[in-house]
Amino acid sequence: MDTEALQTLPASELHDRAVRYAVRHGDFGFLWDLLKVIPAAEAASGHGGETANDLSRVSALLSDAMSAGEGELGEALRPVYIDYLVKHPDA
């Protein structure tokens, strides 16, 4: 799927496709990168208070990664998902 087509999808669909593909293919690099950008995306989406807590709790980051396709956080992470899905068109 090309970038234009991916731009039309909701953030939750982008998240689900990218995370499902990464899990299925053991792409822990993408999942780790996702965990690293979630705090900045939370801050950008107006949830800066959660950032400090997430940085100190890996379990919170893992939980965030699994639900990071919803709401403002999902929208803030759209470019991450689109970039990944363009690189993996079979996702």
PDB file of N, CA and C in Angstrom:
ATOM      1  N   MET A   1       0.853  -1.171   0.000  1.00  0.00           N
ATOM      2  CA  MET A   1       0.000   0.000   0.000  1.00  0.00           C
ATOM      3  C   MET A   1       0.898   1.234   0.000  1.00  0.00           C
ATOM      4  N   ASP A   2       0.585   2.214  -0.834  1.00  0.00           N
ATOM      5  CA  ASP A   2       1.426   3.398  -0.923  1.00  0.00           C
ATOM      6  C   ASP A   2       1.057   4.433   0.142  1.00  0.00           C
ATOM      7  N   THR A   3       1.892   5.447   0.246  1.00  0.00           N
ATOM      8  CA  THR A   3       1.723   6.465   1.277  1.00  0.00           C
ATOM      9  C   THR A   3       0.362   7.149   1.184  1.00  0.00           C
ATOM     10  N   GLU A   4      -0.076   7.493  -0.029  1.00  0.00           N
ATOM     11  CA  GLU A   4      -1.366   8.175  -0.179  1.00  0.00           C
ATOM     12  C   GLU A   4      -2.515   7.331   0.341  1.00  0.00           C
ATOM     13  N   ALA A   5      -2.500   6.053   0.007  1.00  0.00           N
ATOM     14  CA  ALA A   5      -3.570   5.158   0.463  1.00  0.00           C
ATOM     15  C   ALA A   5      -3.522   5.006   1.982  1.00  0.00           C
ATOM     16  N   LEU A   6      -2.325   4.916   2.534  1.00  0.00           N
ATOM     17  CA  LEU A   6      -2.193   4.778   3.985  1.00  0.00           C
ATOM     18  C   LEU A   6      -2.682   6.033   4.706  1.00  0.00           C
ATOM     19  N   GLN A   7      -2.469   7.203   4.105  1.00  0.00           N
ATOM     20  CA  GLN A   7      -2.904   8.464   4.720  1.00  0.00           C
ATOM     21  C   GLN A   7      -4.410   8.491   4.951  1.00  0.00           C
ATOM     22  N   THR A   8      -5.170   7.737   4.182  1.00  0.00           N
ATOM     23  CA  THR A   8      -6.625   7.756   4.309  1.00  0.00           C
ATOM     24  C   THR A   8      -7.140   6.867   5.436  1.00  0.00           C
ATOM     25  N   LEU A   9      -6.286   6.001   5.968  1.00  0.00           N
ATOM     26  CA  LEU A   9      -6.712   5.069   7.016  1.00  0.00           C
ATOM     27  C   LEU A   9      -6.721   5.750   8.384  1.00  0.00           C
ATOM     28  N   PRO A  10      -7.617   5.330   9.260  1.00  0.00           N
ATOM     29  CA  PRO A  10      -7.596   5.857  10.633  1.00  0.00           C
ATOM     30  C   PRO A  10      -6.328   5.401  11.366  1.00  0.00           C
ATOM     31  N   ALA A  11      -5.911   6.188  12.331  1.00  0.00           N
ATOM     32  CA  ALA A  11      -4.701   5.868  13.098  1.00  0.00           C
ATOM     33  C   ALA A  11      -4.788   4.485  13.729  1.00  0.00           C
ATOM     34  N   SER A  12      -5.968   4.102  14.195  1.00  0.00           N
ATOM     35  CA  SER A  12      -6.100   2.783  14.834  1.00  0.00           C
ATOM     36  C   SER A  12      -5.818   1.661  13.837  1.00  0.00           C
ATOM     37  N   GLU A  13      -6.222   1.819  12.591  1.00  0.00           N
ATOM     38  CA  GLU A  13      -5.945   0.805  11.566  1.00  0.00           C
ATOM     39  C   GLU A  13      -4.456   0.765  11.236  1.00  0.00           C
ATOM     40  N   LEU A  14      -3.826   1.943  11.139  1.00  0.00           N
ATOM     41  CA  LEU A  14      -2.385   1.991  10.894  1.00  0.00           C
ATOM     42  C   LEU A  14      -1.638   1.277  12.016  1.00  0.00           C
ATOM     43  N   HIS A  15      -2.015   1.587  13.251  1.00  0.00           N
ATOM     44  CA  HIS A  15      -1.392   0.948  14.410  1.00  0.00           C
ATOM     45  C   HIS A  15      -1.550  -0.557  14.341  1.00  0.00           C
ATOM     46  N   ASP A  16      -2.779  -1.015  14.140  1.00  0.00           N
ATOM     47  CA  ASP A  16      -3.037  -2.458  14.130  1.00  0.00           C
ATOM     48  C   ASP A  16      -2.237  -3.162  13.050  1.00  0.00           C
ATOM     49  N   ARG A  17      -2.190  -2.602  11.865  1.00  0.00           N
ATOM     50  CA  ARG A  17      -1.444  -3.223  10.769  1.00  0.00           C
ATOM     51  C   ARG A  17       0.048  -3.275  11.066  1.00  0.00           C
ATOM     52  N   ALA A  18       0.595  -2.145  11.527  1.00  0.00           N
ATOM     53  CA  ALA A  18       2.033  -2.078  11.782  1.00  0.00           C
ATOM     54  C   ALA A  18       2.439  -2.999  12.928  1.00  0.00           C
ATOM     55  N   VAL A  19       1.712  -2.950  14.029  1.00  0.00           N
ATOM     56  CA  VAL A  19       2.066  -3.773  15.189  1.00  0.00           C
ATOM     57  C   VAL A  19       1.845  -5.255  14.882  1.00  0.00           C
ATOM     58  N   ARG A  20       0.754  -5.586  14.228  1.00  0.00           N
ATOM     59  CA  ARG A  20       0.488  -6.982  13.868  1.00  0.00           C
ATOM     60  C   ARG A  20       1.605  -7.531  12.980  1.00  0.00           C
ATOM     61  N   TYR A  21       2.019  -6.745  11.984  1.00  0.00           N
ATOM     62  CA  TYR A  21       3.088  -7.176  11.088  1.00  0.00           C
ATOM     63  C   TYR A  21       4.395  -7.359  11.868  1.00  0.00           C
ATOM     64  N   ALA A  22       4.728  -6.382  12.710  1.00  0.00           N
ATOM     65  CA  ALA A  22       5.977  -6.455  13.478  1.00  0.00           C
ATOM     66  C   ALA A  22       5.986  -7.666  14.403  1.00  0.00           C
ATOM     67  N   VAL A  23       4.879  -7.935  15.063  1.00  0.00           N
ATOM     68  CA  VAL A  23       4.800  -9.087  15.968  1.00  0.00           C
ATOM     69  C   VAL A  23       4.912 -10.381  15.174  1.00  0.00           C
ATOM     70  N   ARG A  24       4.180 -10.464  14.092  1.00  0.00           N
ATOM     71  CA  ARG A  24       4.175 -11.677  13.269  1.00  0.00           C
ATOM     72  C   ARG A  24       5.557 -11.978  12.684  1.00  0.00           C
ATOM     73  N   HIS A  25       6.330 -10.932  12.369  1.00  0.00           N
ATOM     74  CA  HIS A  25       7.640 -11.108  11.758  1.00  0.00           C
ATOM     75  C   HIS A  25       8.791 -10.932  12.754  1.00  0.00           C
ATOM     76  N   GLY A  26       8.470 -10.827  14.019  1.00  0.00           N
ATOM     77  CA  GLY A  26       9.514 -10.691  15.037  1.00  0.00           C
ATOM     78  C   GLY A  26      10.360  -9.445  14.866  1.00  0.00           C
ATOM     79  N   ASP A  27       9.748  -8.379  14.391  1.00  0.00           N
ATOM     80  CA  ASP A  27      10.473  -7.133  14.169  1.00  0.00           C
ATOM     81  C   ASP A  27      10.516  -6.324  15.465  1.00  0.00           C
ATOM     82  N   PHE A  28      11.372  -6.772  16.368  1.00  0.00           N
ATOM     83  CA  PHE A  28      11.478  -6.116  17.667  1.00  0.00           C
ATOM     84  C   PHE A  28      12.111  -4.732  17.545  1.00  0.00           C
ATOM     85  N   GLY A  29      12.848  -4.502  16.463  1.00  0.00           N
ATOM     86  CA  GLY A  29      13.420  -3.173  16.232  1.00  0.00           C
ATOM     87  C   GLY A  29      12.328  -2.128  16.081  1.00  0.00           C
ATOM     88  N   PHE A  30      11.300  -2.442  15.284  1.00  0.00           N
ATOM     89  CA  PHE A  30      10.190  -1.495  15.126  1.00  0.00           C
ATOM     90  C   PHE A  30       9.460  -1.305  16.444  1.00  0.00           C
ATOM     91  N   LEU A  31       9.189  -2.409  17.139  1.00  0.00           N
ATOM     92  CA  LEU A  31       8.459  -2.302  18.409  1.00  0.00           C
ATOM     93  C   LEU A  31       9.261  -1.476  19.418  1.00  0.00           C
ATOM     94  N   TRP A  32      10.567  -1.650  19.441  1.00  0.00           N
ATOM     95  CA  TRP A  32      11.414  -0.868  20.340  1.00  0.00           C
ATOM     96  C   TRP A  32      11.389   0.606  19.940  1.00  0.00           C
ATOM     97  N   ASP A  33      11.492   0.870  18.626  1.00  0.00           N
ATOM     98  CA  ASP A  33      11.418   2.258  18.146  1.00  0.00           C
ATOM     99  C   ASP A  33      10.083   2.893  18.523  1.00  0.00           C
ATOM    100  N   LEU A  34       9.017   2.114  18.408  1.00  0.00           N
ATOM    101  CA  LEU A  34       7.691   2.613  18.788  1.00  0.00           C
ATOM    102  C   LEU A  34       7.666   2.982  20.271  1.00  0.00           C
ATOM    103  N   LEU A  35       8.226   2.117  21.104  1.00  0.00           N
ATOM    104  CA  LEU A  35       8.270   2.416  22.537  1.00  0.00           C
ATOM    105  C   LEU A  35       9.044   3.700  22.815  1.00  0.00           C
ATOM    106  N   LYS A  36      10.102   3.931  22.047  1.00  0.00           N
ATOM    107  CA  LYS A  36      10.918   5.121  22.277  1.00  0.00           C
ATOM    108  C   LYS A  36      10.211   6.406  21.863  1.00  0.00           C
ATOM    109  N   VAL A  37       9.332   6.358  20.854  1.00  0.00           N
ATOM    110  CA  VAL A  37       8.682   7.595  20.405  1.00  0.00           C
ATOM    111  C   VAL A  37       7.353   7.865  21.101  1.00  0.00           C
ATOM    112  N   ILE A  38       6.820   6.887  21.815  1.00  0.00           N
ATOM    113  CA  ILE A  38       5.535   7.097  22.493  1.00  0.00           C
ATOM    114  C   ILE A  38       5.582   8.267  23.483  1.00  0.00           C
ATOM    115  N   PRO A  39       6.610   8.396  24.332  1.00  0.00           N
ATOM    116  CA  PRO A  39       6.606   9.543  25.258  1.00  0.00           C
ATOM    117  C   PRO A  39       6.543  10.893  24.539  1.00  0.00           C
ATOM    118  N   ALA A  40       7.283  11.038  23.446  1.00  0.00           N
ATOM    119  CA  ALA A  40       7.239  12.304  22.703  1.00  0.00           C
ATOM    120  C   ALA A  40       5.874  12.496  22.052  1.00  0.00           C
ATOM    121  N   ALA A  41       5.287  11.416  21.559  1.00  0.00           N
ATOM    122  CA  ALA A  41       3.962  11.514  20.942  1.00  0.00           C
ATOM    123  C   ALA A  41       2.906  11.859  21.988  1.00  0.00           C
ATOM    124  N   GLU A  42       3.049  11.316  23.198  1.00  0.00           N
ATOM    125  CA  GLU A  42       2.118  11.666  24.272  1.00  0.00           C
ATOM    126  C   GLU A  42       2.229  13.148  24.604  1.00  0.00           C
ATOM    127  N   ALA A  43       3.451  13.646  24.674  1.00  0.00           N
ATOM    128  CA  ALA A  43       3.647  15.064  24.964  1.00  0.00           C
ATOM    129  C   ALA A  43       3.052  15.918  23.840  1.00  0.00           C
ATOM    130  N   ALA A  44       3.266  15.502  22.589  1.00  0.00           N
ATOM    131  CA  ALA A  44       2.747  16.257  21.443  1.00  0.00           C
ATOM    132  C   ALA A  44       1.225  16.221  21.384  1.00  0.00           C
ATOM    133  N   SER A  45       0.631  15.158  21.928  1.00  0.00           N
ATOM    134  CA  SER A  45      -0.821  15.046  21.888  1.00  0.00           C
ATOM    135  C   SER A  45      -1.483  15.608  23.150  1.00  0.00           C
ATOM    136  N   GLY A  46      -0.689  16.308  23.971  1.00  0.00           N
ATOM    137  CA  GLY A  46      -1.249  16.978  25.139  1.00  0.00           C
ATOM    138  C   GLY A  46      -1.286  16.149  26.400  1.00  0.00           C
ATOM    139  N   HIS A  47      -0.567  15.046  26.413  1.00  0.00           N
ATOM    140  CA  HIS A  47      -0.540  14.179  27.591  1.00  0.00           C
ATOM    141  C   HIS A  47       0.866  14.112  28.171  1.00  0.00           C
ATOM    142  N   GLY A  48       1.478  15.274  28.339  1.00  0.00           N
ATOM    143  CA  GLY A  48       2.848  15.360  28.820  1.00  0.00           C
ATOM    144  C   GLY A  48       3.050  14.793  30.210  1.00  0.00           C
ATOM    145  N   GLY A  49       2.025  14.824  31.049  1.00  0.00           N
ATOM    146  CA  GLY A  49       2.147  14.281  32.399  1.00  0.00           C
ATOM    147  C   GLY A  49       2.391  12.794  32.410  1.00  0.00           C
ATOM    148  N   GLU A  50       1.900  12.103  31.408  1.00  0.00           N
ATOM    149  CA  GLU A  50       2.101  10.658  31.330  1.00  0.00           C
ATOM    150  C   GLU A  50       3.526  10.310  30.927  1.00  0.00           C
ATOM    151  N   THR A  51       4.218  11.236  30.275  1.00  0.00           N
ATOM    152  CA  THR A  51       5.548  10.971  29.754  1.00  0.00           C
ATOM    153  C   THR A  51       6.524  10.597  30.859  1.00  0.00           C
ATOM    154  N   ALA A  52       6.563  11.341  31.937  1.00  0.00           N
ATOM    155  CA  ALA A  52       7.507  11.055  33.014  1.00  0.00           C
ATOM    156  C   ALA A  52       7.244   9.688  33.625  1.00  0.00           C
ATOM    157  N   ASN A  53       5.984   9.350  33.821  1.00  0.00           N
ATOM    158  CA  ASN A  53       5.660   8.040  34.375  1.00  0.00           C
ATOM    159  C   ASN A  53       6.087   6.918  33.432  1.00  0.00           C
ATOM    160  N   ASP A  54       5.839   7.091  32.140  1.00  0.00           N
ATOM    161  CA  ASP A  54       6.162   6.051  31.168  1.00  0.00           C
ATOM    162  C   ASP A  54       7.658   5.805  31.061  1.00  0.00           C
ATOM    163  N   LEU A  55       8.447   6.859  31.183  1.00  0.00           N
ATOM    164  CA  LEU A  55       9.876   6.683  31.068  1.00  0.00           C
ATOM    165  C   LEU A  55      10.431   5.825  32.195  1.00  0.00           C
ATOM    166  N   SER A  56       9.785   5.798  33.319  1.00  0.00           N
ATOM    167  CA  SER A  56      10.282   5.018  34.449  1.00  0.00           C
ATOM    168  C   SER A  56       9.640   3.641  34.548  1.00  0.00           C
ATOM    169  N   ARG A  57       8.664   3.340  33.704  1.00  0.00           N
ATOM    170  CA  ARG A  57       7.968   2.051  33.812  1.00  0.00           C
ATOM    171  C   ARG A  57       7.848   1.371  32.451  1.00  0.00           C
ATOM    172  N   VAL A  58       8.634   0.356  32.256  1.00  0.00           N
ATOM    173  CA  VAL A  58       8.620  -0.372  30.990  1.00  0.00           C
ATOM    174  C   VAL A  58       7.254  -1.002  30.748  1.00  0.00           C
ATOM    175  N   SER A  59       6.617  -1.493  31.777  1.00  0.00           N
ATOM    176  CA  SER A  59       5.318  -2.126  31.590  1.00  0.00           C
ATOM    177  C   SER A  59       4.294  -1.129  31.055  1.00  0.00           C
ATOM    178  N   ALA A  60       4.385   0.112  31.487  1.00  0.00           N
ATOM    179  CA  ALA A  60       3.477   1.132  30.973  1.00  0.00           C
ATOM    180  C   ALA A  60       3.745   1.386  29.493  1.00  0.00           C
ATOM    181  N   LEU A  61       5.011   1.397  29.102  1.00  0.00           N
ATOM    182  CA  LEU A  61       5.343   1.587  27.694  1.00  0.00           C
ATOM    183  C   LEU A  61       4.819   0.440  26.845  1.00  0.00           C
ATOM    184  N   LEU A  62       4.961  -0.783  27.339  1.00  0.00           N
ATOM    185  CA  LEU A  62       4.453  -1.932  26.591  1.00  0.00           C
ATOM    186  C   LEU A  62       2.942  -1.842  26.434  1.00  0.00           C
ATOM    187  N   SER A  63       2.275  -1.460  27.486  1.00  0.00           N
ATOM    188  CA  SER A  63       0.826  -1.283  27.428  1.00  0.00           C
ATOM    189  C   SER A  63       0.472  -0.182  26.433  1.00  0.00           C
ATOM    190  N   ASP A  64       1.209   0.911  26.476  1.00  0.00           N
ATOM    191  CA  ASP A  64       0.974   2.004  25.544  1.00  0.00           C
ATOM    192  C   ASP A  64       1.171   1.553  24.102  1.00  0.00           C
ATOM    193  N   ALA A  65       2.194   0.755  23.860  1.00  0.00           N
ATOM    194  CA  ALA A  65       2.475   0.304  22.498  1.00  0.00           C
ATOM    195  C   ALA A  65       1.323  -0.510  21.944  1.00  0.00           C
ATOM    196  N   MET A  66       0.695  -1.293  22.782  1.00  0.00           N
ATOM    197  CA  MET A  66      -0.390  -2.142  22.310  1.00  0.00           C
ATOM    198  C   MET A  66      -1.670  -1.344  22.062  1.00  0.00           C
ATOM    199  N   SER A  67      -1.788  -0.177  22.681  1.00  0.00           N
ATOM    200  CA  SER A  67      -3.000   0.631  22.483  1.00  0.00           C
ATOM    201  C   SER A  67      -2.686   1.981  21.842  1.00  0.00           C
ATOM    202  N   ALA A  68      -1.517   2.114  21.245  1.00  0.00           N
ATOM    203  CA  ALA A  68      -1.073   3.407  20.728  1.00  0.00           C
ATOM    204  C   ALA A  68      -1.683   3.782  19.390  1.00  0.00           C
ATOM    205  N   GLY A  69      -2.776   3.158  19.017  1.00  0.00           N
ATOM    206  CA  GLY A  69      -3.439   3.530  17.779  1.00  0.00           C
ATOM    207  C   GLY A  69      -4.697   4.331  18.015  1.00  0.00           C
ATOM    208  N   GLU A  70      -4.986   4.614  19.251  1.00  0.00           N
ATOM    209  CA  GLU A  70      -6.244   5.273  19.607  1.00  0.00           C
ATOM    210  C   GLU A  70      -6.058   6.758  19.868  1.00  0.00           C
ATOM    211  N   GLY A  71      -7.069   7.521  19.547  1.00  0.00           N
ATOM    212  CA  GLY A  71      -7.170   8.933  19.923  1.00  0.00           C
ATOM    213  C   GLY A  71      -6.022   9.804  19.454  1.00  0.00           C
ATOM    214  N   GLU A  72      -5.709  10.797  20.270  1.00  0.00           N
ATOM    215  CA  GLU A  72      -4.673  11.776  19.941  1.00  0.00           C
ATOM    216  C   GLU A  72      -3.303  11.130  19.826  1.00  0.00           C
ATOM    217  N   LEU A  73      -3.027  10.132  20.662  1.00  0.00           N
ATOM    218  CA  LEU A  73      -1.738   9.442  20.588  1.00  0.00           C
ATOM    219  C   LEU A  73      -1.604   8.722  19.256  1.00  0.00           C
ATOM    220  N   GLY A  74      -2.646   8.048  18.832  1.00  0.00           N
ATOM    221  CA  GLY A  74      -2.623   7.376  17.538  1.00  0.00           C
ATOM    222  C   GLY A  74      -2.370   8.355  16.404  1.00  0.00           C
ATOM    223  N   GLU A  75      -3.018   9.509  16.478  1.00  0.00           N
ATOM    224  CA  GLU A  75      -2.823  10.527  15.445  1.00  0.00           C
ATOM    225  C   GLU A  75      -1.386  11.043  15.451  1.00  0.00           C
ATOM    226  N   ALA A  76      -0.814  11.232  16.638  1.00  0.00           N
ATOM    227  CA  ALA A  76       0.568  11.716  16.728  1.00  0.00           C
ATOM    228  C   ALA A  76       1.556  10.689  16.183  1.00  0.00           C
ATOM    229  N   LEU A  77       1.194   9.415  16.239  1.00  0.00           N
ATOM    230  CA  LEU A  77       2.079   8.352  15.761  1.00  0.00           C
ATOM    231  C   LEU A  77       1.817   7.947  14.312  1.00  0.00           C
ATOM    232  N   ARG A  78       0.854   8.574  13.637  1.00  0.00           N
ATOM    233  CA  ARG A  78       0.542   8.244  12.236  1.00  0.00           C
ATOM    234  C   ARG A  78       1.777   8.182  11.354  1.00  0.00           C
ATOM    235  N   PRO A  79       2.680   9.184  11.418  1.00  0.00           N
ATOM    236  CA  PRO A  79       3.859   9.129  10.530  1.00  0.00           C
ATOM    237  C   PRO A  79       4.739   7.896  10.777  1.00  0.00           C
ATOM    238  N   VAL A  80       4.824   7.461  12.015  1.00  0.00           N
ATOM    239  CA  VAL A  80       5.628   6.275  12.346  1.00  0.00           C
ATOM    240  C   VAL A  80       5.021   5.044  11.693  1.00  0.00           C
ATOM    241  N   TYR A  81       3.709   4.898  11.821  1.00  0.00           N
ATOM    242  CA  TYR A  81       3.025   3.738  11.242  1.00  0.00           C
ATOM    243  C   TYR A  81       3.091   3.763   9.717  1.00  0.00           C
ATOM    244  N   ILE A  82       2.849   4.922   9.131  1.00  0.00           N
ATOM    245  CA  ILE A  82       2.866   5.024   7.671  1.00  0.00           C
ATOM    246  C   ILE A  82       4.255   4.706   7.126  1.00  0.00           C
ATOM    247  N   ASP A  83       5.288   5.256   7.737  1.00  0.00           N
ATOM    248  CA  ASP A  83       6.655   4.983   7.305  1.00  0.00           C
ATOM    249  C   ASP A  83       6.940   3.469   7.349  1.00  0.00           C
ATOM    250  N   TYR A  84       6.558   2.829   8.418  1.00  0.00           N
ATOM    251  CA  TYR A  84       6.792   1.404   8.566  1.00  0.00           C
ATOM    252  C   TYR A  84       6.004   0.600   7.541  1.00  0.00           C
ATOM    253  N   LEU A  85       4.747   0.946   7.343  1.00  0.00           N
ATOM    254  CA  LEU A  85       3.908   0.199   6.413  1.00  0.00           C
ATOM    255  C   LEU A  85       4.326   0.388   4.965  1.00  0.00           C
ATOM    256  N   VAL A  86       4.842   1.546   4.616  1.00  0.00           N
ATOM    257  CA  VAL A  86       5.357   1.757   3.265  1.00  0.00           C
ATOM    258  C   VAL A  86       6.579   0.860   3.026  1.00  0.00           C
ATOM    259  N   LYS A  87       7.390   0.691   4.053  1.00  0.00           N
ATOM    260  CA  LYS A  87       8.570  -0.191   3.944  1.00  0.00           C
ATOM    261  C   LYS A  87       8.193  -1.656   3.903  1.00  0.00           C
ATOM    262  N   HIS A  88       6.990  -1.998   4.366  1.00  0.00           N
ATOM    263  CA  HIS A  88       6.513  -3.394   4.414  1.00  0.00           C
ATOM    264  C   HIS A  88       5.143  -3.468   3.746  1.00  0.00           C
ATOM    265  N   PRO A  89       5.096  -3.365   2.418  1.00  0.00           N
ATOM    266  CA  PRO A  89       3.810  -3.287   1.712  1.00  0.00           C
ATOM    267  C   PRO A  89       2.929  -4.515   1.848  1.00  0.00           C
ATOM    268  N   ASP A  90       3.486  -5.627   2.312  1.00  0.00           N
ATOM    269  CA  ASP A  90       2.664  -6.836   2.495  1.00  0.00           C
ATOM    270  C   ASP A  90       1.988  -6.879   3.857  1.00  0.00           C
ATOM    271  N   ALA A  91       2.130  -5.804   4.640  1.00  0.00           N
ATOM    272  CA  ALA A  91       1.530  -5.758   5.975  1.00  0.00           C
ATOM    273  C   ALA A  91       0.034  -5.570   5.899  1.00  0.00           C
TER     274      ALA A  91
END
